[in-house]
Amino acid sequence: MTAATTEAVPDHSPQVSRLSPYSLLLRDGTRHKLRSAPVAPQAGVHGSELVVYTDGSCLCNGKRSARAGIGVFFGMFDPRNASEPLPGTRQTSQRAEIAAIVLALLIIINDVRLGQQTVFRICSDSMYAISSFTKWHIVWALNGWRHANGSPVEDQDLIEKGVMLARALPARLVYTHVPAHYGIEGNEQADQLAIQGAKDNN
């Protein structure tokens, strides 16, 4: 079972250059003055816990010309960092947020180095995505994947995939909500990766 935390954590913009799919090299750019950042988990391995940040971005969200991207940040210079265009015809910021979490889970499951971790913490600024994976999917499944008003749940395919992947993890999964654009290093890095993915979406 997945466990969710909504920890009350009420611009450094990295330059990115593509190496290969699911692998980015991040180089420190020029720092500028940030607002005081709230306390938030730092990306990377901390004892038995792995912390990863995810984010989604959509250029021209809500328009026919929308292009979305997803970002996953494990830490500076980590080869698992990912910046990818959102595949498919549905290009929205919400779907990108959900897809970023799914990609993070895929990377974690396929990483043979993760045998020592007992907790996987995914940090996202999307409360919608976190709630979809931790509680709403249960109600939606019981309702035939429809909302209370009868409309179909969008992104059912990705939500079901994420739930399935979470159940396959060899350790406990914790979701942590963090505020967007508040100077939190992991969130800012994941955001830049997602933006780059959207720009690469042709």
N, C-alpha and C. Protein backbone atom coordinates (compact mmCIF):
# COMPACT_ATOMS: atom_id res chain seq x y z
N MET A 1 0.85 -1.19 0.00
CA MET A 1 0.00 0.00 0.00
C MET A 1 0.88 1.24 0.00
N THR A 2 0.46 2.24 -0.70
CA THR A 2 1.21 3.49 -0.70
C THR A 2 0.77 4.35 0.46
N ALA A 3 1.70 5.10 1.00
CA ALA A 3 1.38 6.00 2.09
C ALA A 3 1.65 7.41 1.62
N ALA A 4 0.72 8.32 1.93
CA ALA A 4 0.88 9.69 1.47
C ALA A 4 1.14 10.61 2.64
N THR A 5 2.00 11.55 2.48
CA THR A 5 2.16 12.60 3.46
C THR A 5 1.97 13.91 2.75
N THR A 6 1.30 14.83 3.40
CA THR A 6 1.15 16.17 2.85
C THR A 6 1.86 17.11 3.81
N GLU A 7 3.15 16.94 3.91
CA GLU A 7 3.95 17.71 4.82
C GLU A 7 3.83 19.20 4.48
N ALA A 8 3.63 20.00 5.51
CA ALA A 8 3.35 21.42 5.30
C ALA A 8 4.61 22.18 4.94
N VAL A 9 5.06 21.95 3.77
CA VAL A 9 6.15 22.76 3.25
C VAL A 9 5.52 23.81 2.36
N PRO A 10 5.04 24.94 3.31
CA PRO A 10 4.10 25.82 2.58
C PRO A 10 4.47 25.77 1.16
N ASP A 11 15.85 31.94 -8.49
CA ASP A 11 15.72 30.64 -9.14
C ASP A 11 17.07 30.25 -9.77
N HIS A 12 17.00 28.94 -8.81
CA HIS A 12 18.20 28.38 -9.47
C HIS A 12 17.73 27.59 -10.69
N SER A 13 18.10 28.02 -11.89
CA SER A 13 17.66 27.36 -13.11
C SER A 13 18.82 26.63 -13.77
N PRO A 14 18.85 25.29 -13.72
CA PRO A 14 19.98 24.56 -14.27
C PRO A 14 19.99 24.60 -15.79
N GLN A 15 21.16 24.63 -16.36
CA GLN A 15 21.29 24.44 -17.80
C GLN A 15 21.29 22.93 -18.04
N VAL A 16 20.58 22.49 -19.05
CA VAL A 16 20.49 21.06 -19.30
C VAL A 16 20.95 20.77 -20.71
N SER A 17 21.66 19.67 -20.85
CA SER A 17 22.05 19.23 -22.19
C SER A 17 21.78 17.74 -22.28
N ARG A 18 21.09 17.34 -23.34
CA ARG A 18 20.67 15.94 -23.46
C ARG A 18 21.85 15.03 -23.76
N LEU A 19 21.91 13.93 -23.02
CA LEU A 19 22.90 12.89 -23.28
C LEU A 19 22.23 11.72 -24.00
N SER A 20 21.14 11.23 -23.42
CA SER A 20 20.39 10.13 -24.00
C SER A 20 19.03 10.12 -23.32
N PRO A 21 18.06 9.40 -23.84
CA PRO A 21 16.77 9.34 -23.18
C PRO A 21 16.92 8.92 -21.72
N TYR A 22 16.20 9.57 -20.83
CA TYR A 22 16.21 9.31 -19.40
C TYR A 22 17.56 9.62 -18.77
N SER A 23 18.40 10.39 -19.40
CA SER A 23 19.70 10.70 -18.82
C SER A 23 20.09 12.12 -19.17
N LEU A 24 20.24 12.96 -18.14
CA LEU A 24 20.59 14.35 -18.36
C LEU A 24 21.81 14.73 -17.54
N LEU A 25 22.57 15.64 -18.06
CA LEU A 25 23.66 16.25 -17.31
C LEU A 25 23.21 17.65 -16.95
N LEU A 26 23.22 17.97 -15.66
CA LEU A 26 22.82 19.29 -15.23
C LEU A 26 24.05 20.05 -14.77
N ARG A 27 24.19 21.25 -15.27
CA ARG A 27 25.32 22.09 -14.89
C ARG A 27 24.79 23.30 -14.14
N ASP A 28 25.44 23.66 -13.06
CA ASP A 28 25.00 24.81 -12.29
C ASP A 28 25.02 26.06 -13.14
N GLY A 29 23.91 26.78 -13.15
CA GLY A 29 23.87 28.07 -13.81
C GLY A 29 24.14 29.18 -12.79
N THR A 30 23.96 30.39 -13.21
CA THR A 30 24.20 31.51 -12.31
C THR A 30 23.08 31.58 -11.28
N ARG A 31 23.45 31.60 -10.02
CA ARG A 31 22.45 31.68 -8.96
C ARG A 31 21.96 33.12 -8.83
N HIS A 32 20.69 33.25 -8.51
CA HIS A 32 20.19 34.57 -8.18
C HIS A 32 19.46 34.48 -6.86
N LYS A 33 19.16 35.60 -6.29
CA LYS A 33 18.59 35.63 -4.95
C LYS A 33 17.23 34.94 -4.92
N LEU A 34 17.06 34.03 -3.96
CA LEU A 34 15.81 33.29 -3.83
C LEU A 34 15.07 33.75 -2.58
N ARG A 35 13.76 33.58 -2.60
CA ARG A 35 13.02 33.74 -1.36
C ARG A 35 13.46 32.64 -0.41
N SER A 36 13.26 32.85 0.86
CA SER A 36 13.63 31.83 1.85
C SER A 36 12.84 30.56 1.56
N ALA A 37 13.53 29.49 1.27
CA ALA A 37 12.86 28.24 0.89
C ALA A 37 12.41 27.49 2.13
N PRO A 38 11.23 26.86 2.09
CA PRO A 38 10.79 26.05 3.22
C PRO A 38 11.64 24.80 3.33
N VAL A 39 11.60 24.18 4.49
CA VAL A 39 12.34 22.94 4.69
C VAL A 39 11.67 21.85 3.86
N ALA A 40 12.46 21.16 3.05
CA ALA A 40 11.93 20.10 2.20
C ALA A 40 13.01 19.05 2.01
N PRO A 41 12.62 17.80 1.73
CA PRO A 41 13.62 16.75 1.53
C PRO A 41 14.56 17.08 0.38
N GLN A 42 15.81 16.74 0.53
CA GLN A 42 16.78 16.92 -0.54
C GLN A 42 16.80 15.68 -1.41
N ALA A 43 16.86 15.88 -2.72
CA ALA A 43 16.88 14.73 -3.64
C ALA A 43 18.13 13.90 -3.40
N GLY A 44 18.00 12.59 -3.59
CA GLY A 44 19.14 11.70 -3.43
C GLY A 44 18.88 10.63 -2.39
N VAL A 45 19.92 9.89 -2.06
CA VAL A 45 19.83 8.80 -1.09
C VAL A 45 20.22 9.33 0.28
N HIS A 46 19.37 9.08 1.26
CA HIS A 46 19.63 9.48 2.64
C HIS A 46 19.42 8.26 3.53
N GLY A 47 20.51 7.57 3.82
CA GLY A 47 20.40 6.34 4.59
C GLY A 47 19.63 5.30 3.82
N SER A 48 18.49 4.90 4.36
CA SER A 48 17.68 3.88 3.70
C SER A 48 16.56 4.49 2.85
N GLU A 49 16.58 5.81 2.68
CA GLU A 49 15.51 6.49 1.93
C GLU A 49 16.04 7.11 0.65
N LEU A 50 15.30 6.91 -0.43
CA LEU A 50 15.60 7.57 -1.70
C LEU A 50 14.55 8.64 -1.94
N VAL A 51 15.00 9.86 -2.20
CA VAL A 51 14.10 10.99 -2.46
C VAL A 51 14.23 11.41 -3.91
N VAL A 52 13.11 11.48 -4.60
CA VAL A 52 13.11 11.89 -6.01
C VAL A 52 12.02 12.94 -6.22
N TYR A 53 12.31 13.92 -7.04
CA TYR A 53 11.34 14.97 -7.37
C TYR A 53 10.81 14.78 -8.78
N THR A 54 9.52 15.03 -8.95
CA THR A 54 8.90 14.93 -10.28
C THR A 54 8.13 16.22 -10.58
N ASP A 55 7.98 16.51 -11.86
CA ASP A 55 7.20 17.68 -12.26
C ASP A 55 6.73 17.52 -13.70
N GLY A 56 5.66 18.20 -14.01
CA GLY A 56 5.14 18.25 -15.37
C GLY A 56 4.99 19.69 -15.81
N SER A 57 5.13 19.92 -17.09
CA SER A 57 5.01 21.27 -17.63
C SER A 57 4.26 21.20 -18.95
N CYS A 58 3.48 22.23 -19.23
CA CYS A 58 2.75 22.26 -20.50
C CYS A 58 2.77 23.67 -21.06
N LEU A 59 3.35 23.82 -22.23
CA LEU A 59 3.35 25.09 -22.94
C LEU A 59 2.02 25.26 -23.65
N CYS A 60 1.42 26.43 -23.53
CA CYS A 60 0.10 26.70 -24.14
C CYS A 60 -0.95 25.74 -23.61
N ASN A 61 -0.94 25.49 -22.30
CA ASN A 61 -1.88 24.54 -21.69
C ASN A 61 -3.33 24.96 -21.97
N GLY A 62 -4.14 23.99 -22.37
CA GLY A 62 -5.53 24.25 -22.66
C GLY A 62 -5.82 24.63 -24.10
N LYS A 63 -4.77 24.78 -24.90
CA LYS A 63 -4.95 25.15 -26.30
C LYS A 63 -4.62 23.96 -27.20
N ARG A 64 -5.04 24.05 -28.44
CA ARG A 64 -4.79 22.95 -29.38
C ARG A 64 -3.30 22.78 -29.65
N SER A 65 -2.56 23.84 -29.47
CA SER A 65 -1.11 23.79 -29.72
C SER A 65 -0.31 23.39 -28.48
N ALA A 66 -0.99 22.91 -27.44
CA ALA A 66 -0.31 22.57 -26.18
C ALA A 66 0.75 21.50 -26.40
N ARG A 67 1.89 21.68 -25.73
CA ARG A 67 2.98 20.70 -25.75
C ARG A 67 3.46 20.52 -24.32
N ALA A 68 3.47 19.28 -23.85
CA ALA A 68 3.80 19.01 -22.46
C ALA A 68 5.09 18.20 -22.34
N GLY A 69 5.71 18.32 -21.18
CA GLY A 69 6.93 17.56 -20.90
C GLY A 69 6.96 17.11 -19.46
N ILE A 70 7.80 16.13 -19.18
CA ILE A 70 7.90 15.58 -17.83
C ILE A 70 9.35 15.61 -17.36
N GLY A 71 9.52 15.82 -16.06
CA GLY A 71 10.85 15.87 -15.48
C GLY A 71 10.94 15.03 -14.22
N VAL A 72 12.05 14.31 -14.08
CA VAL A 72 12.33 13.50 -12.90
C VAL A 72 13.74 13.82 -12.43
N PHE A 73 13.88 14.19 -11.16
CA PHE A 73 15.18 14.62 -10.64
C PHE A 73 15.57 13.79 -9.43
N PHE A 74 16.68 13.03 -9.59
CA PHE A 74 17.22 12.21 -8.51
C PHE A 74 18.36 12.91 -7.77
N GLY A 75 18.96 13.90 -8.38
CA GLY A 75 20.10 14.60 -7.78
C GLY A 75 21.00 15.15 -8.87
N MET A 76 21.86 16.08 -8.50
CA MET A 76 22.75 16.68 -9.48
C MET A 76 23.65 15.63 -10.13
N PHE A 77 23.74 15.68 -11.44
CA PHE A 77 24.59 14.79 -12.24
C PHE A 77 24.18 13.32 -12.16
N ASP A 78 22.99 13.04 -11.63
CA ASP A 78 22.53 11.65 -11.54
C ASP A 78 22.07 11.19 -12.93
N PRO A 79 22.61 10.09 -13.45
CA PRO A 79 22.24 9.64 -14.80
C PRO A 79 20.78 9.22 -14.92
N ARG A 80 20.10 9.06 -13.80
CA ARG A 80 18.68 8.69 -13.86
C ARG A 80 17.77 9.89 -14.08
N ASN A 81 18.30 11.10 -13.96
CA ASN A 81 17.48 12.28 -14.22
C ASN A 81 16.88 12.20 -15.62
N ALA A 82 15.62 12.60 -15.73
CA ALA A 82 14.92 12.44 -17.01
C ALA A 82 14.20 13.71 -17.42
N SER A 83 14.27 14.01 -18.70
CA SER A 83 13.54 15.11 -19.31
C SER A 83 12.97 14.58 -20.61
N GLU A 84 11.65 14.42 -20.67
CA GLU A 84 11.04 13.77 -21.82
C GLU A 84 9.78 14.50 -22.27
N PRO A 85 9.52 14.54 -23.58
CA PRO A 85 8.22 15.03 -24.05
C PRO A 85 7.11 14.09 -23.58
N LEU A 86 5.95 14.63 -23.29
CA LEU A 86 4.82 13.79 -22.93
C LEU A 86 4.28 13.12 -24.19
N PRO A 87 4.27 11.79 -24.23
CA PRO A 87 3.77 11.11 -25.44
C PRO A 87 2.25 11.17 -25.52
N GLY A 88 1.72 10.93 -26.70
CA GLY A 88 0.28 10.85 -26.88
C GLY A 88 -0.35 12.15 -27.34
N THR A 89 -1.64 12.08 -27.63
CA THR A 89 -2.35 13.25 -28.15
C THR A 89 -2.88 14.16 -27.05
N ARG A 90 -3.10 13.64 -25.88
CA ARG A 90 -3.60 14.47 -24.77
C ARG A 90 -2.42 15.19 -24.12
N GLN A 91 -2.33 16.47 -24.33
CA GLN A 91 -1.22 17.28 -23.83
C GLN A 91 -1.74 18.30 -22.82
N THR A 92 -1.67 17.95 -21.54
CA THR A 92 -2.12 18.84 -20.47
C THR A 92 -1.11 18.81 -19.34
N SER A 93 -1.17 19.84 -18.51
CA SER A 93 -0.25 19.90 -17.38
C SER A 93 -0.56 18.80 -16.37
N GLN A 94 -1.85 18.50 -16.16
CA GLN A 94 -2.21 17.45 -15.21
C GLN A 94 -1.70 16.08 -15.66
N ARG A 95 -1.86 15.79 -16.93
CA ARG A 95 -1.38 14.49 -17.42
C ARG A 95 0.14 14.43 -17.32
N ALA A 96 0.81 15.54 -17.57
CA ALA A 96 2.27 15.57 -17.46
C ALA A 96 2.72 15.32 -16.02
N GLU A 97 2.01 15.89 -15.05
CA GLU A 97 2.35 15.66 -13.64
C GLU A 97 2.22 14.18 -13.28
N ILE A 98 1.14 13.56 -13.75
CA ILE A 98 0.91 12.15 -13.47
C ILE A 98 1.95 11.29 -14.19
N ALA A 99 2.23 11.62 -15.44
CA ALA A 99 3.21 10.85 -16.22
C ALA A 99 4.60 10.93 -15.61
N ALA A 100 4.94 12.06 -15.01
CA ALA A 100 6.26 12.21 -14.39
C ALA A 100 6.41 11.24 -13.22
N ILE A 101 5.36 11.08 -12.44
CA ILE A 101 5.41 10.13 -11.32
C ILE A 101 5.52 8.70 -11.85
N VAL A 102 4.78 8.39 -12.89
CA VAL A 102 4.86 7.05 -13.49
C VAL A 102 6.27 6.77 -13.98
N LEU A 103 6.88 7.75 -14.63
CA LEU A 103 8.25 7.57 -15.12
C LEU A 103 9.22 7.37 -13.97
N ALA A 104 9.05 8.12 -12.89
CA ALA A 104 9.92 7.94 -11.72
C ALA A 104 9.81 6.52 -11.17
N LEU A 105 8.59 6.01 -11.09
CA LEU A 105 8.38 4.65 -10.60
C LEU A 105 9.04 3.63 -11.52
N LEU A 106 8.93 3.83 -12.82
CA LEU A 106 9.57 2.92 -13.78
C LEU A 106 11.08 2.91 -13.61
N ILE A 107 11.66 4.10 -13.45
CA ILE A 107 13.11 4.19 -13.28
C ILE A 107 13.54 3.50 -12.00
N ILE A 108 12.80 3.72 -10.92
CA ILE A 108 13.14 3.11 -9.63
C ILE A 108 13.08 1.59 -9.73
N ILE A 109 12.02 1.06 -10.31
CA ILE A 109 11.85 -0.39 -10.41
C ILE A 109 12.95 -1.02 -11.25
N ASN A 110 13.40 -0.33 -12.29
CA ASN A 110 14.42 -0.88 -13.18
C ASN A 110 15.85 -0.61 -12.74
N ASP A 111 16.02 0.04 -11.61
CA ASP A 111 17.36 0.36 -11.11
C ASP A 111 17.82 -0.74 -10.16
N VAL A 112 18.81 -1.50 -10.60
CA VAL A 112 19.29 -2.63 -9.80
C VAL A 112 20.08 -2.18 -8.59
N ARG A 113 20.39 -0.88 -8.49
CA ARG A 113 21.19 -0.40 -7.36
C ARG A 113 20.36 -0.12 -6.12
N LEU A 114 19.07 -0.29 -6.19
CA LEU A 114 18.20 0.19 -5.12
C LEU A 114 17.87 -0.87 -4.08
N GLY A 115 18.69 -1.87 -3.94
CA GLY A 115 18.40 -2.94 -3.00
C GLY A 115 18.44 -2.55 -1.55
N GLN A 116 19.13 -1.46 -1.21
CA GLN A 116 19.30 -1.07 0.19
C GLN A 116 18.21 -0.13 0.69
N GLN A 117 17.42 0.44 -0.20
CA GLN A 117 16.42 1.41 0.24
C GLN A 117 15.16 0.72 0.77
N THR A 118 14.66 1.22 1.89
CA THR A 118 13.41 0.70 2.46
C THR A 118 12.27 1.70 2.31
N VAL A 119 12.60 2.93 1.90
CA VAL A 119 11.57 3.95 1.68
C VAL A 119 11.89 4.70 0.38
N PHE A 120 10.89 4.83 -0.47
CA PHE A 120 11.00 5.66 -1.67
C PHE A 120 10.06 6.85 -1.49
N ARG A 121 10.61 8.05 -1.54
CA ARG A 121 9.80 9.26 -1.36
C ARG A 121 9.74 10.04 -2.67
N ILE A 122 8.54 10.20 -3.19
CA ILE A 122 8.34 10.99 -4.40
C ILE A 122 7.75 12.34 -4.01
N CYS A 123 8.44 13.40 -4.36
CA CYS A 123 8.01 14.76 -4.04
C CYS A 123 7.44 15.42 -5.29
N SER A 124 6.24 15.95 -5.18
CA SER A 124 5.57 16.57 -6.32
C SER A 124 4.84 17.82 -5.85
N ASP A 125 4.73 18.81 -6.74
CA ASP A 125 3.95 20.00 -6.38
C ASP A 125 2.50 19.89 -6.84
N SER A 126 2.12 18.72 -7.35
CA SER A 126 0.75 18.50 -7.83
C SER A 126 -0.05 17.68 -6.82
N MET A 127 -0.93 18.35 -6.07
CA MET A 127 -1.78 17.64 -5.13
C MET A 127 -2.76 16.74 -5.87
N TYR A 128 -3.14 17.14 -7.09
CA TYR A 128 -4.04 16.31 -7.89
C TYR A 128 -3.39 14.97 -8.21
N ALA A 129 -2.14 15.00 -8.64
CA ALA A 129 -1.44 13.76 -8.99
C ALA A 129 -1.26 12.88 -7.76
N ILE A 130 -0.84 13.48 -6.65
CA ILE A 130 -0.63 12.70 -5.43
C ILE A 130 -1.93 12.06 -4.97
N SER A 131 -3.01 12.84 -4.94
CA SER A 131 -4.30 12.31 -4.50
C SER A 131 -4.82 11.23 -5.44
N SER A 132 -4.54 11.37 -6.72
CA SER A 132 -4.97 10.35 -7.69
C SER A 132 -4.35 9.00 -7.37
N PHE A 133 -3.07 9.02 -6.96
CA PHE A 133 -2.36 7.77 -6.70
C PHE A 133 -2.57 7.24 -5.29
N THR A 134 -2.99 8.07 -4.35
CA THR A 134 -3.08 7.62 -2.96
C THR A 134 -4.49 7.34 -2.48
N LYS A 135 -5.50 7.99 -3.05
CA LYS A 135 -6.86 7.74 -2.55
C LYS A 135 -7.94 7.77 -3.62
N TRP A 136 -7.88 8.73 -4.53
CA TRP A 136 -8.99 8.86 -5.47
C TRP A 136 -9.14 7.66 -6.39
N HIS A 137 -8.03 6.99 -6.72
CA HIS A 137 -8.12 5.85 -7.65
C HIS A 137 -9.01 4.75 -7.10
N ILE A 138 -9.07 4.63 -5.77
CA ILE A 138 -9.90 3.59 -5.16
C ILE A 138 -11.38 3.87 -5.43
N VAL A 139 -11.79 5.11 -5.19
CA VAL A 139 -13.18 5.51 -5.41
C VAL A 139 -13.53 5.45 -6.90
N TRP A 140 -12.62 5.94 -7.72
CA TRP A 140 -12.87 5.94 -9.17
C TRP A 140 -13.06 4.52 -9.71
N ALA A 141 -12.23 3.60 -9.23
CA ALA A 141 -12.35 2.21 -9.69
C ALA A 141 -13.70 1.62 -9.31
N LEU A 142 -14.15 1.92 -8.09
CA LEU A 142 -15.46 1.43 -7.63
C LEU A 142 -16.60 2.04 -8.45
N ASN A 143 -16.38 3.24 -8.96
CA ASN A 143 -17.41 3.93 -9.75
C ASN A 143 -17.25 3.71 -11.25
N GLY A 144 -16.47 2.71 -11.63
CA GLY A 144 -16.26 2.45 -13.05
C GLY A 144 -15.46 3.53 -13.73
N TRP A 145 -14.55 4.14 -12.98
CA TRP A 145 -13.68 5.21 -13.48
C TRP A 145 -14.49 6.39 -14.02
N ARG A 146 -15.47 6.76 -13.19
CA ARG A 146 -16.25 7.95 -13.49
C ARG A 146 -16.34 8.84 -12.25
N HIS A 147 -16.40 10.15 -12.50
CA HIS A 147 -16.58 11.10 -11.42
C HIS A 147 -18.02 11.02 -10.91
N ALA A 148 -18.27 11.73 -9.81
CA ALA A 148 -19.62 11.73 -9.23
C ALA A 148 -20.66 12.26 -10.20
N ASN A 149 -20.25 13.15 -11.10
CA ASN A 149 -21.19 13.71 -12.08
C ASN A 149 -21.35 12.83 -13.32
N GLY A 150 -20.68 11.68 -13.32
CA GLY A 150 -20.81 10.74 -14.44
C GLY A 150 -19.79 10.89 -15.53
N SER A 151 -19.00 11.94 -15.49
CA SER A 151 -17.98 12.14 -16.53
C SER A 151 -16.81 11.18 -16.31
N PRO A 152 -16.19 10.72 -17.39
CA PRO A 152 -15.07 9.77 -17.25
C PRO A 152 -13.85 10.44 -16.62
N VAL A 153 -13.10 9.64 -15.88
CA VAL A 153 -11.86 10.12 -15.27
C VAL A 153 -10.79 10.21 -16.35
N GLU A 154 -10.24 11.38 -16.53
CA GLU A 154 -9.17 11.54 -17.51
C GLU A 154 -7.89 10.92 -16.97
N ASP A 155 -7.07 10.44 -17.87
CA ASP A 155 -5.77 9.86 -17.51
C ASP A 155 -5.88 8.57 -16.71
N GLN A 156 -6.99 7.86 -16.88
CA GLN A 156 -7.17 6.58 -16.20
C GLN A 156 -6.02 5.63 -16.50
N ASP A 157 -5.56 5.63 -17.76
CA ASP A 157 -4.51 4.70 -18.15
C ASP A 157 -3.23 4.90 -17.34
N LEU A 158 -2.83 6.15 -17.17
CA LEU A 158 -1.60 6.42 -16.43
C LEU A 158 -1.78 6.19 -14.93
N ILE A 159 -2.94 6.54 -14.42
CA ILE A 159 -3.19 6.34 -12.98
C ILE A 159 -3.15 4.86 -12.64
N GLU A 160 -3.81 4.04 -13.45
CA GLU A 160 -3.80 2.59 -13.21
C GLU A 160 -2.38 2.03 -13.31
N LYS A 161 -1.61 2.53 -14.27
CA LYS A 161 -0.23 2.06 -14.42
C LYS A 161 0.60 2.44 -13.21
N GLY A 162 0.43 3.68 -12.73
CA GLY A 162 1.18 4.12 -11.56
C GLY A 162 0.85 3.32 -10.31
N VAL A 163 -0.42 3.02 -10.12
CA VAL A 163 -0.84 2.22 -8.98
C VAL A 163 -0.23 0.82 -9.06
N MET A 164 -0.24 0.24 -10.24
CA MET A 164 0.35 -1.09 -10.44
C MET A 164 1.85 -1.08 -10.14
N LEU A 165 2.55 -0.06 -10.63
CA LEU A 165 3.99 0.03 -10.39
C LEU A 165 4.29 0.23 -8.91
N ALA A 166 3.49 1.04 -8.24
CA ALA A 166 3.70 1.29 -6.81
C ALA A 166 3.59 -0.01 -6.02
N ARG A 167 2.66 -0.86 -6.40
CA ARG A 167 2.47 -2.13 -5.70
C ARG A 167 3.63 -3.08 -5.95
N ALA A 168 4.37 -2.86 -7.04
CA ALA A 168 5.50 -3.73 -7.37
C ALA A 168 6.80 -3.29 -6.71
N LEU A 169 6.79 -2.14 -6.06
CA LEU A 169 8.02 -1.66 -5.43
C LEU A 169 8.43 -2.57 -4.27
N PRO A 170 9.73 -2.76 -4.09
CA PRO A 170 10.21 -3.62 -3.01
C PRO A 170 10.30 -2.90 -1.67
N ALA A 171 9.80 -1.69 -1.58
CA ALA A 171 9.89 -0.92 -0.35
C ALA A 171 8.67 -0.01 -0.23
N ARG A 172 8.56 0.67 0.91
CA ARG A 172 7.43 1.55 1.15
C ARG A 172 7.54 2.80 0.29
N LEU A 173 6.40 3.23 -0.25
CA LEU A 173 6.36 4.43 -1.08
C LEU A 173 5.63 5.53 -0.32
N VAL A 174 6.26 6.70 -0.27
CA VAL A 174 5.67 7.86 0.40
C VAL A 174 5.62 9.01 -0.59
N TYR A 175 4.47 9.66 -0.67
CA TYR A 175 4.33 10.86 -1.49
C TYR A 175 4.37 12.09 -0.60
N THR A 176 5.12 13.08 -1.00
CA THR A 176 5.21 14.33 -0.25
C THR A 176 4.88 15.50 -1.17
N HIS A 177 3.94 16.32 -0.74
CA HIS A 177 3.57 17.50 -1.52
C HIS A 177 4.47 18.67 -1.13
N VAL A 178 5.00 19.36 -2.13
CA VAL A 178 5.83 20.54 -1.91
C VAL A 178 5.26 21.69 -2.74
N PRO A 179 5.42 22.92 -2.30
CA PRO A 179 4.91 24.05 -3.07
C PRO A 179 5.75 24.30 -4.31
N ALA A 180 5.11 24.74 -5.36
CA ALA A 180 5.81 25.01 -6.62
C ALA A 180 6.48 26.38 -6.58
N HIS A 181 7.62 26.48 -7.25
CA HIS A 181 8.31 27.76 -7.47
C HIS A 181 8.56 28.50 -6.16
N TYR A 182 9.07 27.78 -5.19
CA TYR A 182 9.34 28.38 -3.89
C TYR A 182 10.81 28.22 -3.51
N GLY A 183 11.65 27.97 -4.49
CA GLY A 183 13.07 27.87 -4.22
C GLY A 183 13.53 26.53 -3.68
N ILE A 184 12.66 25.51 -3.71
CA ILE A 184 13.05 24.17 -3.27
C ILE A 184 13.88 23.54 -4.38
N GLU A 185 15.12 23.21 -4.07
CA GLU A 185 16.08 22.79 -5.09
C GLU A 185 15.55 21.66 -5.97
N GLY A 186 15.08 20.58 -5.35
CA GLY A 186 14.62 19.44 -6.14
C GLY A 186 13.45 19.79 -7.04
N ASN A 187 12.52 20.57 -6.53
CA ASN A 187 11.36 20.97 -7.32
C ASN A 187 11.75 21.88 -8.47
N GLU A 188 12.68 22.81 -8.22
CA GLU A 188 13.13 23.71 -9.28
C GLU A 188 13.84 22.94 -10.39
N GLN A 189 14.65 21.96 -9.99
CA GLN A 189 15.37 21.16 -10.99
C GLN A 189 14.40 20.31 -11.81
N ALA A 190 13.44 19.67 -11.14
CA ALA A 190 12.46 18.86 -11.86
C ALA A 190 11.63 19.73 -12.80
N ASP A 191 11.33 20.94 -12.37
CA ASP A 191 10.58 21.87 -13.21
C ASP A 191 11.34 22.21 -14.49
N GLN A 192 12.64 22.48 -14.35
CA GLN A 192 13.45 22.80 -15.52
C GLN A 192 13.53 21.61 -16.49
N LEU A 193 13.62 20.41 -15.93
CA LEU A 193 13.65 19.21 -16.77
C LEU A 193 12.32 19.05 -17.52
N ALA A 194 11.21 19.32 -16.83
CA ALA A 194 9.90 19.21 -17.46
C ALA A 194 9.72 20.26 -18.56
N ILE A 195 10.17 21.47 -18.30
CA ILE A 195 10.09 22.53 -19.31
C ILE A 195 10.89 22.15 -20.55
N GLN A 196 12.09 21.60 -20.33
CA GLN A 196 12.91 21.19 -21.47
C GLN A 196 12.21 20.08 -22.25
N GLY A 197 11.57 19.16 -21.54
CA GLY A 197 10.82 18.10 -22.22
C GLY A 197 9.69 18.65 -23.07
N ALA A 198 9.01 19.68 -22.56
CA ALA A 198 7.94 20.31 -23.33
C ALA A 198 8.49 21.01 -24.57
N LYS A 199 9.63 21.66 -24.43
CA LYS A 199 10.25 22.34 -25.57
C LYS A 199 10.69 21.33 -26.64
N ASP A 200 11.06 20.12 -26.20
CA ASP A 200 11.49 19.08 -27.14
C ASP A 200 10.31 18.36 -27.78
N ASN A 201 9.10 18.70 -27.36
CA ASN A 201 7.89 18.01 -27.83
C ASN A 201 7.44 18.64 -29.15
N ASN A 202 7.78 18.01 -30.25
CA ASN A 202 7.45 18.56 -31.58
C ASN A 202 6.31 17.77 -32.23
